[in-house]
């Protein structure tokens, strides 16, 4: 099953002729999550064939325009298309005031679905969503205004039962699902056979973390540790390190340093300043520190493959 990221926008505050502001869609086992919603997001969704009806949950890192200006357009289109499913938005609590005013002004009582707002915690790590297949956490970043990153974790699939153990202990069929779900087995003579002896996990659960916008900070390293795929903003190259510090943004070197220290699998960098028509200087400095780095572009599709344990 899919664990796939589609890149809709890679620019920072100013869009360019070929780069849109930040937006990404993550597909985790058929659940589609929109992360940030910069200007032009719905146009990019159409271009890359992501159906509006698939998006039930939107995650907004912070309330700068290049991360939210696409919301009212996307919601308007959903209304015009006759959407009737609830739409959940995870963001700073102030977004509800901003967005509700626009929606109510344009559509009054004609909205055929509920918009449910989930306020984020900008002081500590928080589990913000969970279902049978995925768990999502928010964690504070270090930017000029309250900003959160997000970590998406696939839940481990149930293990297989070892055939030889089923036969050795003559485990009845009625007990097998309970053991797969974590239970031990008690034999007829009272011995406890632990779950770990009876089962085998074939694949590692997959994970993705999203960090934009932020300057490098010790506080969020643990929140992205060991993810298979990390997206981290890299607005500037090292020659603009002072500007990065002043604006609470990161360089390619900063992003790579986070990836290295957090021991992630692969690093994606984006949120490039419009001053860079060619982002190769940012990528080159990142690769020197963390070779498994990729500079993203609009339309990129990145699969997180299953790995054997």
C-alpha atoms as a PDB file:
ATOM      1  CA  UNK A   1       0.000   0.000   0.000  1.00  0.00           C
ATOM      2  CA  UNK A   2       1.093   3.581  -0.724  1.00  0.00           C
ATOM      3  CA  UNK A   3       3.148   5.877   1.429  1.00  0.00           C
ATOM      4  CA  UNK A   4       3.675   8.586  -1.148  1.00  0.00           C
ATOM      5  CA  UNK A   5       4.414  12.315  -1.117  1.00  0.00           C
ATOM      6  CA  UNK A   6       3.442  14.654  -3.980  1.00  0.00           C
ATOM      7  CA  UNK A   7       5.083  18.084  -4.163  1.00  0.00           C
ATOM      8  CA  UNK A   8       2.784  20.928  -5.201  1.00  0.00           C
ATOM      9  CA  UNK A   9       4.893  23.951  -4.269  1.00  0.00           C
ATOM     10  CA  UNK A  10       8.552  24.618  -3.436  1.00  0.00           C
ATOM     11  CA  UNK A  11       8.903  28.402  -3.242  1.00  0.00           C
ATOM     12  CA  UNK A  12       9.129  30.554  -0.143  1.00  0.00           C
ATOM     13  CA  UNK A  13       7.273  33.850   0.353  1.00  0.00           C
ATOM     14  CA  UNK A  14       7.305  34.917  -3.320  1.00  0.00           C
ATOM     15  CA  UNK A  15       6.026  32.577  -6.042  1.00  0.00           C
ATOM     16  CA  UNK A  16       7.990  32.564  -9.273  1.00  0.00           C
ATOM     17  CA  UNK A  17       7.100  31.766 -12.868  1.00  0.00           C
ATOM     18  CA  UNK A  18       7.857  28.093 -12.255  1.00  0.00           C
ATOM     19  CA  UNK A  19       7.612  27.671  -8.476  1.00  0.00           C
ATOM     20  CA  UNK A  20       4.496  27.783  -6.296  1.00  0.00           C
ATOM     21  CA  UNK A  21       4.374  28.455  -2.540  1.00  0.00           C
ATOM     22  CA  UNK A  22       4.455  25.567  -0.091  1.00  0.00           C
ATOM     23  CA  UNK A  23       1.984  22.702  -0.412  1.00  0.00           C
ATOM     24  CA  UNK A  24       2.406  18.935  -0.304  1.00  0.00           C
ATOM     25  CA  UNK A  25       0.028  15.978  -0.308  1.00  0.00           C
ATOM     26  CA  UNK A  26       0.905  12.833   1.613  1.00  0.00           C
ATOM     27  CA  UNK A  27      -0.911   9.600   0.790  1.00  0.00           C
ATOM     28  CA  UNK A  28      -0.680   7.120   3.654  1.00  0.00           C
ATOM     29  CA  UNK A  29      -2.473   3.905   2.736  1.00  0.00           C
ATOM     30  CA  UNK A  30      -5.195   5.770   0.853  1.00  0.00           C
ATOM     31  CA  UNK A  31      -5.537   8.598   3.368  1.00  0.00           C
ATOM     32  CA  UNK A  32      -4.690  11.913   1.689  1.00  0.00           C
ATOM     33  CA  UNK A  33      -3.325  14.697   3.889  1.00  0.00           C
ATOM     34  CA  UNK A  34      -2.707  18.229   2.580  1.00  0.00           C
ATOM     35  CA  UNK A  35       0.220  19.925   4.319  1.00  0.00           C
ATOM     36  CA  UNK A  36       0.156  23.720   3.987  1.00  0.00           C
ATOM     37  CA  UNK A  37      -1.885  25.414   1.301  1.00  0.00           C
ATOM     38  CA  UNK A  38      -0.061  28.215  -0.463  1.00  0.00           C
ATOM     39  CA  UNK A  39      -1.504  30.253  -3.320  1.00  0.00           C
ATOM     40  CA  UNK A  40      -2.277  28.071  -6.343  1.00  0.00           C
ATOM     41  CA  UNK A  41      -2.612  24.816  -4.422  1.00  0.00           C
ATOM     42  CA  UNK A  42      -5.885  23.822  -6.096  1.00  0.00           C
ATOM     43  CA  UNK A  43      -4.406  24.505  -9.541  1.00  0.00           C
ATOM     44  CA  UNK A  44      -1.504  22.206  -8.712  1.00  0.00           C
ATOM     45  CA  UNK A  45      -3.864  19.554  -7.387  1.00  0.00           C
ATOM     46  CA  UNK A  46      -5.685  19.539 -10.702  1.00  0.00           C
ATOM     47  CA  UNK A  47      -2.423  19.448 -12.633  1.00  0.00           C
ATOM     48  CA  UNK A  48      -1.128  16.451 -10.692  1.00  0.00           C
ATOM     49  CA  UNK A  49      -4.486  14.683 -10.552  1.00  0.00           C
ATOM     50  CA  UNK A  50      -5.201  14.798  -6.826  1.00  0.00           C
ATOM     51  CA  UNK A  51      -8.962  14.788  -6.335  1.00  0.00           C
ATOM     52  CA  UNK A  52     -10.366  17.464  -4.057  1.00  0.00           C
ATOM     53  CA  UNK A  53     -12.764  14.941  -2.500  1.00  0.00           C
ATOM     54  CA  UNK A  54      -9.822  12.886  -1.243  1.00  0.00           C
ATOM     55  CA  UNK A  55      -8.648  15.669   1.061  1.00  0.00           C
ATOM     56  CA  UNK A  56     -10.392  15.454   4.436  1.00  0.00           C
ATOM     57  CA  UNK A  57      -7.597  16.823   6.657  1.00  0.00           C
ATOM     58  CA  UNK A  58      -5.406  19.876   6.128  1.00  0.00           C
ATOM     59  CA  UNK A  59      -2.368  20.643   8.290  1.00  0.00           C
ATOM     60  CA  UNK A  60      -1.156  24.248   8.455  1.00  0.00           C
ATOM     61  CA  UNK A  61       2.274  24.913   9.935  1.00  0.00           C
ATOM     62  CA  UNK A  62       1.778  28.643  10.586  1.00  0.00           C
ATOM     63  CA  UNK A  63      -0.135  31.707   9.490  1.00  0.00           C
ATOM     64  CA  UNK A  64       2.200  33.342   6.984  1.00  0.00           C
ATOM     65  CA  UNK A  65       0.516  33.995   3.656  1.00  0.00           C
ATOM     66  CA  UNK A  66       2.640  31.659   1.559  1.00  0.00           C
ATOM     67  CA  UNK A  67       1.289  28.758   3.622  1.00  0.00           C
ATOM     68  CA  UNK A  68      -2.427  29.695   3.780  1.00  0.00           C
ATOM     69  CA  UNK A  69      -3.425  31.915   0.840  1.00  0.00           C
ATOM     70  CA  UNK A  70      -4.697  28.913  -1.135  1.00  0.00           C
ATOM     71  CA  UNK A  71      -7.215  27.853   1.508  1.00  0.00           C
ATOM     72  CA  UNK A  72     -10.164  30.066   0.608  1.00  0.00           C
ATOM     73  CA  UNK A  73      -9.888  29.139  -3.072  1.00  0.00           C
ATOM     74  CA  UNK A  74      -9.708  25.438  -2.303  1.00  0.00           C
ATOM     75  CA  UNK A  75     -12.672  25.592   0.074  1.00  0.00           C
ATOM     76  CA  UNK A  76     -14.683  27.619  -2.458  1.00  0.00           C
ATOM     77  CA  UNK A  77     -14.096  24.948  -5.080  1.00  0.00           C
ATOM     78  CA  UNK A  78     -15.109  22.216  -2.649  1.00  0.00           C
ATOM     79  CA  UNK A  79     -18.376  24.102  -2.002  1.00  0.00           C
ATOM     80  CA  UNK A  80     -19.053  24.551  -5.723  1.00  0.00           C
ATOM     81  CA  UNK A  81     -18.414  20.849  -6.323  1.00  0.00           C
ATOM     82  CA  UNK A  82     -21.073  19.956  -3.756  1.00  0.00           C
ATOM     83  CA  UNK A  83     -18.834  18.466  -1.112  1.00  0.00           C
ATOM     84  CA  UNK A  84     -20.803  17.183   1.884  1.00  0.00           C
ATOM     85  CA  UNK A  85     -18.063  15.562   3.995  1.00  0.00           C
ATOM     86  CA  UNK A  86     -16.578  17.360   6.984  1.00  0.00           C
ATOM     87  CA  UNK A  87     -13.258  19.107   6.396  1.00  0.00           C
ATOM     88  CA  UNK A  88     -10.768  19.104   9.282  1.00  0.00           C
ATOM     89  CA  UNK A  89      -8.129  21.836   9.564  1.00  0.00           C
ATOM     90  CA  UNK A  90      -5.255  21.619  12.060  1.00  0.00           C
ATOM     91  CA  UNK A  91      -3.698  25.019  12.653  1.00  0.00           C
ATOM     92  CA  UNK A  92      -3.177  27.971  14.953  1.00  0.00           C
ATOM     93  CA  UNK A  93      -6.520  28.862  16.565  1.00  0.00           C
ATOM     94  CA  UNK A  94      -6.456  32.307  14.887  1.00  0.00           C
ATOM     95  CA  UNK A  95      -6.945  30.730  11.470  1.00  0.00           C
ATOM     96  CA  UNK A  96     -10.581  30.016  12.275  1.00  0.00           C
ATOM     97  CA  UNK A  97     -11.315  33.745  12.659  1.00  0.00           C
ATOM     98  CA  UNK A  98      -9.499  34.628   9.434  1.00  0.00           C
ATOM     99  CA  UNK A  99     -10.976  31.846   7.326  1.00  0.00           C
ATOM    100  CA  UNK A 100     -14.508  31.864   8.758  1.00  0.00           C
ATOM    101  CA  UNK A 101     -14.856  35.569   7.958  1.00  0.00           C
ATOM    102  CA  UNK A 102     -14.020  34.908   4.298  1.00  0.00           C
ATOM    103  CA  UNK A 103     -16.197  31.812   3.979  1.00  0.00           C
ATOM    104  CA  UNK A 104     -19.177  33.450   5.682  1.00  0.00           C
ATOM    105  CA  UNK A 105     -18.829  36.622   3.597  1.00  0.00           C
ATOM    106  CA  UNK A 106     -18.763  34.673   0.337  1.00  0.00           C
ATOM    107  CA  UNK A 107     -21.246  31.897   1.083  1.00  0.00           C
ATOM    108  CA  UNK A 108     -23.239  32.837   4.191  1.00  0.00           C
ATOM    109  CA  UNK A 109     -25.316  29.735   5.058  1.00  0.00           C
ATOM    110  CA  UNK A 110     -24.736  27.915   1.783  1.00  0.00           C
ATOM    111  CA  UNK A 111     -21.883  25.711   3.007  1.00  0.00           C
ATOM    112  CA  UNK A 112     -22.910  22.058   2.591  1.00  0.00           C
ATOM    113  CA  UNK A 113     -20.236  20.683   4.933  1.00  0.00           C
ATOM    114  CA  UNK A 114     -18.713  21.494   8.294  1.00  0.00           C
ATOM    115  CA  UNK A 115     -15.231  22.953   8.658  1.00  0.00           C
ATOM    116  CA  UNK A 116     -13.861  21.590  11.931  1.00  0.00           C
ATOM    117  CA  UNK A 117     -10.863  23.405  13.370  1.00  0.00           C
ATOM    118  CA  UNK A 118      -8.297  21.687  15.571  1.00  0.00           C
ATOM    119  CA  UNK A 119      -6.012  24.180  17.392  1.00  0.00           C
ATOM    120  CA  UNK A 120      -2.359  23.189  17.615  1.00  0.00           C
ATOM    121  CA  UNK A 121      -0.107  23.286  20.664  1.00  0.00           C
ATOM    122  CA  UNK A 122       2.986  25.411  19.987  1.00  0.00           C
ATOM    123  CA  UNK A 123       4.767  24.581  23.231  1.00  0.00           C
ATOM    124  CA  UNK A 124       5.076  20.797  23.219  1.00  0.00           C
ATOM    125  CA  UNK A 125       4.700  17.652  21.140  1.00  0.00           C
ATOM    126  CA  UNK A 126       1.077  16.626  20.680  1.00  0.00           C
ATOM    127  CA  UNK A 127      -0.678  13.682  19.051  1.00  0.00           C
ATOM    128  CA  UNK A 128      -3.279  15.389  16.854  1.00  0.00           C
ATOM    129  CA  UNK A 129      -4.788  12.504  14.870  1.00  0.00           C
ATOM    130  CA  UNK A 130      -4.970   8.727  15.030  1.00  0.00           C
ATOM    131  CA  UNK A 131      -6.851   5.992  13.248  1.00  0.00           C
ATOM    132  CA  UNK A 132      -6.247   2.285  12.607  1.00  0.00           C
ATOM    133  CA  UNK A 133      -3.464   2.929  10.095  1.00  0.00           C
ATOM    134  CA  UNK A 134      -1.696   6.194  10.958  1.00  0.00           C
ATOM    135  CA  UNK A 135      -0.727   8.452  13.865  1.00  0.00           C
ATOM    136  CA  UNK A 136       0.101  12.145  13.402  1.00  0.00           C
ATOM    137  CA  UNK A 137       2.002  14.395  15.797  1.00  0.00           C
ATOM    138  CA  UNK A 138       2.682  18.122  15.838  1.00  0.00           C
ATOM    139  CA  UNK A 139       5.788  19.636  17.391  1.00  0.00           C
ATOM    140  CA  UNK A 140       7.019  23.221  17.859  1.00  0.00           C
ATOM    141  CA  UNK A 141       9.481  24.783  15.432  1.00  0.00           C
ATOM    142  CA  UNK A 142      11.532  27.975  15.788  1.00  0.00           C
ATOM    143  CA  UNK A 143      10.132  30.729  13.573  1.00  0.00           C
ATOM    144  CA  UNK A 144       9.108  34.375  13.919  1.00  0.00           C
ATOM    145  CA  UNK A 145       5.522  33.406  14.722  1.00  0.00           C
ATOM    146  CA  UNK A 146       4.116  30.210  16.314  1.00  0.00           C
ATOM    147  CA  UNK A 147       4.910  27.349  13.944  1.00  0.00           C
ATOM    148  CA  UNK A 148       4.527  23.573  14.086  1.00  0.00           C
ATOM    149  CA  UNK A 149       6.078  20.695  12.224  1.00  0.00           C
ATOM    150  CA  UNK A 150       4.260  17.411  11.656  1.00  0.00           C
ATOM    151  CA  UNK A 151       5.275  13.775  11.940  1.00  0.00           C
ATOM    152  CA  UNK A 152       3.239  11.086  10.172  1.00  0.00           C
ATOM    153  CA  UNK A 153       3.721   7.494  11.321  1.00  0.00           C
ATOM    154  CA  UNK A 154       2.305   4.396   9.719  1.00  0.00           C
ATOM    155  CA  UNK A 155       1.124   1.986  12.388  1.00  0.00           C
ATOM    156  CA  UNK A 156       2.970  -1.339  12.348  1.00  0.00           C
ATOM    157  CA  UNK A 157       1.089  -4.054  10.529  1.00  0.00           C
ATOM    158  CA  UNK A 158       0.219  -7.089  12.594  1.00  0.00           C
ATOM    159  CA  UNK A 159       2.985  -9.697  12.589  1.00  0.00           C
ATOM    160  CA  UNK A 160       2.763 -13.153  11.079  1.00  0.00           C
ATOM    161  CA  UNK A 161       2.542 -16.163  13.349  1.00  0.00           C
ATOM    162  CA  UNK A 162       5.443 -18.603  13.068  1.00  0.00           C
ATOM    163  CA  UNK A 163       4.114 -21.805  11.560  1.00  0.00           C
ATOM    164  CA  UNK A 164       6.462 -24.022  13.530  1.00  0.00           C
ATOM    165  CA  UNK A 165       5.349 -22.413  16.793  1.00  0.00           C
ATOM    166  CA  UNK A 166       1.686 -22.915  15.942  1.00  0.00           C
ATOM    167  CA  UNK A 167       2.399 -26.603  15.525  1.00  0.00           C
ATOM    168  CA  UNK A 168       4.799 -26.906  18.479  1.00  0.00           C
ATOM    169  CA  UNK A 169       2.304 -25.445  20.959  1.00  0.00           C
ATOM    170  CA  UNK A 170      -0.827 -26.631  19.154  1.00  0.00           C
ATOM    171  CA  UNK A 171      -2.272 -23.110  19.250  1.00  0.00           C
ATOM    172  CA  UNK A 172      -6.012 -23.134  18.445  1.00  0.00           C
ATOM    173  CA  UNK A 173      -7.389 -20.897  15.713  1.00  0.00           C
ATOM    174  CA  UNK A 174      -9.485 -18.875  18.188  1.00  0.00           C
ATOM    175  CA  UNK A 175      -6.288 -17.701  19.944  1.00  0.00           C
ATOM    176  CA  UNK A 176      -4.335 -16.622  16.899  1.00  0.00           C
ATOM    177  CA  UNK A 177      -5.761 -13.134  16.265  1.00  0.00           C
ATOM    178  CA  UNK A 178      -5.298 -12.222  19.922  1.00  0.00           C
ATOM    179  CA  UNK A 179      -1.638 -13.276  19.764  1.00  0.00           C
ATOM    180  CA  UNK A 180      -1.056 -11.288  16.569  1.00  0.00           C
ATOM    181  CA  UNK A 181      -2.448  -8.233  18.357  1.00  0.00           C
ATOM    182  CA  UNK A 182       0.160  -8.565  21.123  1.00  0.00           C
ATOM    183  CA  UNK A 183      -1.059 -11.305  23.426  1.00  0.00           C
ATOM    184  CA  UNK A 184       0.926 -14.175  24.910  1.00  0.00           C
ATOM    185  CA  UNK A 185      -0.147 -17.826  24.814  1.00  0.00           C
ATOM    186  CA  UNK A 186      -0.693 -19.980  27.881  1.00  0.00           C
ATOM    187  CA  UNK A 187      -0.195 -23.713  27.336  1.00  0.00           C
ATOM    188  CA  UNK A 188      -2.346 -26.404  28.933  1.00  0.00           C
ATOM    189  CA  UNK A 189       0.315 -26.929  31.619  1.00  0.00           C
ATOM    190  CA  UNK A 190       0.406 -23.205  32.510  1.00  0.00           C
ATOM    191  CA  UNK A 191       3.541 -22.073  30.690  1.00  0.00           C
ATOM    192  CA  UNK A 192       3.461 -18.533  29.247  1.00  0.00           C
ATOM    193  CA  UNK A 193       4.822 -18.350  25.707  1.00  0.00           C
ATOM    194  CA  UNK A 194       5.544 -14.681  24.934  1.00  0.00           C
ATOM    195  CA  UNK A 195       4.200 -12.904  21.888  1.00  0.00           C
ATOM    196  CA  UNK A 196       7.751 -12.209  20.663  1.00  0.00           C
ATOM    197  CA  UNK A 197       8.533 -15.927  20.430  1.00  0.00           C
ATOM    198  CA  UNK A 198       5.402 -16.692  18.447  1.00  0.00           C
ATOM    199  CA  UNK A 199       5.461 -13.907  15.869  1.00  0.00           C
ATOM    200  CA  UNK A 200       7.648 -12.308  13.242  1.00  0.00           C
ATOM    201  CA  UNK A 201       7.486  -8.777  11.823  1.00  0.00           C
ATOM    202  CA  UNK A 202       8.562  -8.532   8.193  1.00  0.00           C
ATOM    203  CA  UNK A 203       8.381  -4.799   7.513  1.00  0.00           C
ATOM    204  CA  UNK A 204       9.275  -1.612   9.345  1.00  0.00           C
ATOM    205  CA  UNK A 205       6.475   0.936   9.745  1.00  0.00           C
ATOM    206  CA  UNK A 206       7.144   4.007   7.580  1.00  0.00           C
ATOM    207  CA  UNK A 207       7.337   7.647   8.672  1.00  0.00           C
ATOM    208  CA  UNK A 208       7.583  11.192   7.306  1.00  0.00           C
ATOM    209  CA  UNK A 209       8.272  14.520   9.012  1.00  0.00           C
ATOM    210  CA  UNK A 210       7.610  18.022   7.706  1.00  0.00           C
ATOM    211  CA  UNK A 211       9.572  21.057   8.948  1.00  0.00           C
ATOM    212  CA  UNK A 212       8.734  24.469   7.487  1.00  0.00           C
ATOM    213  CA  UNK A 213       9.416  27.287   8.408  1.00  0.00           C
ATOM    214  CA  UNK A 214      12.158  27.234  11.040  1.00  0.00           C
ATOM    215  CA  UNK A 215      15.700  28.033  11.908  1.00  0.00           C
ATOM    216  CA  UNK A 216      17.800  25.118  13.095  1.00  0.00           C
ATOM    217  CA  UNK A 217      17.070  24.395  16.742  1.00  0.00           C
ATOM    218  CA  UNK A 218      17.931  21.599  19.135  1.00  0.00           C
ATOM    219  CA  UNK A 219      14.353  21.439  20.397  1.00  0.00           C
ATOM    220  CA  UNK A 220      12.838  19.556  17.452  1.00  0.00           C
ATOM    221  CA  UNK A 221      15.632  17.097  16.628  1.00  0.00           C
ATOM    222  CA  UNK A 222      14.005  14.317  18.656  1.00  0.00           C
ATOM    223  CA  UNK A 223      10.649  14.899  16.975  1.00  0.00           C
ATOM    224  CA  UNK A 224      12.090  13.966  13.570  1.00  0.00           C
ATOM    225  CA  UNK A 225      14.525  11.295  14.723  1.00  0.00           C
ATOM    226  CA  UNK A 226      14.769   8.169  12.563  1.00  0.00           C
ATOM    227  CA  UNK A 227      12.016   9.097  10.118  1.00  0.00           C
ATOM    228  CA  UNK A 228      12.340   7.456   6.729  1.00  0.00           C
ATOM    229  CA  UNK A 229      11.769  10.758   4.938  1.00  0.00           C
ATOM    230  CA  UNK A 230      12.297  14.295   6.238  1.00  0.00           C
ATOM    231  CA  UNK A 231      11.219  17.472   4.459  1.00  0.00           C
ATOM    232  CA  UNK A 232      13.083  20.458   5.854  1.00  0.00           C
ATOM    233  CA  UNK A 233      12.984  23.993   4.537  1.00  0.00           C
ATOM    234  CA  UNK A 234      16.217  25.347   3.065  1.00  0.00           C
ATOM    235  CA  UNK A 235      15.328  28.879   2.067  1.00  0.00           C
ATOM    236  CA  UNK A 236      18.896  30.134   1.654  1.00  0.00           C
ATOM    237  CA  UNK A 237      22.403  29.006   0.793  1.00  0.00           C
ATOM    238  CA  UNK A 238      25.184  29.433   3.320  1.00  0.00           C
ATOM    239  CA  UNK A 239      26.231  32.775   1.811  1.00  0.00           C
ATOM    240  CA  UNK A 240      22.995  34.159   3.274  1.00  0.00           C
ATOM    241  CA  UNK A 241      23.362  32.575   6.708  1.00  0.00           C
ATOM    242  CA  UNK A 242      22.966  35.929   8.464  1.00  0.00           C
ATOM    243  CA  UNK A 243      19.717  36.608   6.610  1.00  0.00           C
ATOM    244  CA  UNK A 244      18.522  33.108   7.487  1.00  0.00           C
ATOM    245  CA  UNK A 245      19.177  33.796  11.157  1.00  0.00           C
ATOM    246  CA  UNK A 246      17.396  37.148  11.084  1.00  0.00           C
ATOM    247  CA  UNK A 247      14.320  35.752   9.332  1.00  0.00           C
ATOM    248  CA  UNK A 248      14.259  32.494  11.332  1.00  0.00           C
ATOM    249  CA  UNK A 249      14.844  30.335   8.286  1.00  0.00           C
ATOM    250  CA  UNK A 250      17.321  27.584   7.411  1.00  0.00           C
ATOM    251  CA  UNK A 251      20.097  27.089   4.902  1.00  0.00           C
ATOM    252  CA  UNK A 252      20.837  23.892   3.033  1.00  0.00           C
ATOM    253  CA  UNK A 253      23.624  23.272   5.515  1.00  0.00           C
ATOM    254  CA  UNK A 254      21.212  23.699   8.433  1.00  0.00           C
ATOM    255  CA  UNK A 255      18.690  21.269   6.967  1.00  0.00           C
ATOM    256  CA  UNK A 256      21.384  18.670   6.321  1.00  0.00           C
ATOM    257  CA  UNK A 257      22.723  19.077   9.849  1.00  0.00           C
ATOM    258  CA  UNK A 258      19.269  18.325  11.252  1.00  0.00           C
ATOM    259  CA  UNK A 259      18.970  15.256   9.004  1.00  0.00           C
ATOM    260  CA  UNK A 260      22.390  13.985  10.050  1.00  0.00           C
ATOM    261  CA  UNK A 261      21.834  14.500  13.762  1.00  0.00           C
ATOM    262  CA  UNK A 262      18.351  12.986  13.654  1.00  0.00           C
ATOM    263  CA  UNK A 263      19.612   9.972  11.657  1.00  0.00           C
ATOM    264  CA  UNK A 264      16.828  10.140   9.088  1.00  0.00           C
ATOM    265  CA  UNK A 265      16.686   7.982   5.978  1.00  0.00           C
ATOM    266  CA  UNK A 266      16.390  10.644   3.275  1.00  0.00           C
ATOM    267  CA  UNK A 267      16.180  14.441   3.239  1.00  0.00           C
ATOM    268  CA  UNK A 268      14.071  16.627   0.958  1.00  0.00           C
ATOM    269  CA  UNK A 269      14.795  20.358   0.831  1.00  0.00           C
ATOM    270  CA  UNK A 270      12.559  23.124  -0.498  1.00  0.00           C
ATOM    271  CA  UNK A 271      10.954  26.499   0.343  1.00  0.00           C
ATOM    272  CA  UNK A 272      13.623  28.125  -1.813  1.00  0.00           C
ATOM    273  CA  UNK A 273      13.960  31.900  -1.843  1.00  0.00           C
ATOM    274  CA  UNK A 274      12.930  33.560  -5.122  1.00  0.00           C
ATOM    275  CA  UNK A 275      16.435  35.038  -5.323  1.00  0.00           C
ATOM    276  CA  UNK A 276      17.696  31.584  -6.397  1.00  0.00           C
ATOM    277  CA  UNK A 277      16.775  30.852  -9.974  1.00  0.00           C
ATOM    278  CA  UNK A 278      19.018  27.777  -9.611  1.00  0.00           C
ATOM    279  CA  UNK A 279      18.882  25.968  -6.266  1.00  0.00           C
ATOM    280  CA  UNK A 280      22.027  23.905  -6.892  1.00  0.00           C
ATOM    281  CA  UNK A 281      24.173  25.930  -4.414  1.00  0.00           C
ATOM    282  CA  UNK A 282      21.714  25.054  -1.632  1.00  0.00           C
ATOM    283  CA  UNK A 283      21.640  21.400  -2.662  1.00  0.00           C
ATOM    284  CA  UNK A 284      25.418  21.112  -2.984  1.00  0.00           C
ATOM    285  CA  UNK A 285      26.095  22.396   0.520  1.00  0.00           C
ATOM    286  CA  UNK A 286      23.469  20.009   1.931  1.00  0.00           C
ATOM    287  CA  UNK A 287      24.879  16.956   0.131  1.00  0.00           C
ATOM    288  CA  UNK A 288      28.319  17.592   1.611  1.00  0.00           C
ATOM    289  CA  UNK A 289      26.854  16.972   5.051  1.00  0.00           C
ATOM    290  CA  UNK A 290      24.037  14.563   4.239  1.00  0.00           C
ATOM    291  CA  UNK A 291      24.500  12.775   0.891  1.00  0.00           C
ATOM    292  CA  UNK A 292      20.940  11.386   0.811  1.00  0.00           C
ATOM    293  CA  UNK A 293      19.522  14.835   0.050  1.00  0.00           C
ATOM    294  CA  UNK A 294      17.190  15.785  -2.792  1.00  0.00           C
ATOM    295  CA  UNK A 295      16.033  19.242  -3.844  1.00  0.00           C
ATOM    296  CA  UNK A 296      12.325  18.978  -4.606  1.00  0.00           C
ATOM    297  CA  UNK A 297      10.474  20.395  -7.593  1.00  0.00           C
ATOM    298  CA  UNK A 298       6.807  20.829  -8.451  1.00  0.00           C
ATOM    299  CA  UNK A 299       5.285  17.528  -9.513  1.00  0.00           C
ATOM    300  CA  UNK A 300       7.840  15.318  -7.791  1.00  0.00           C
ATOM    301  CA  UNK A 301       6.362  12.109  -6.383  1.00  0.00           C
ATOM    302  CA  UNK A 302       8.426  10.439  -3.670  1.00  0.00           C
ATOM    303  CA  UNK A 303       7.601   6.920  -2.498  1.00  0.00           C
ATOM    304  CA  UNK A 304       8.636   5.672   0.923  1.00  0.00           C
ATOM    305  CA  UNK A 305       9.295   2.029   0.235  1.00  0.00           C
ATOM    306  CA  UNK A 306       8.713  -0.762   2.704  1.00  0.00           C
ATOM    307  CA  UNK A 307      11.879  -2.013   4.368  1.00  0.00           C
ATOM    308  CA  UNK A 308      12.495  -5.452   5.774  1.00  0.00           C
ATOM    309  CA  UNK A 309      13.230  -5.578   9.470  1.00  0.00           C
END
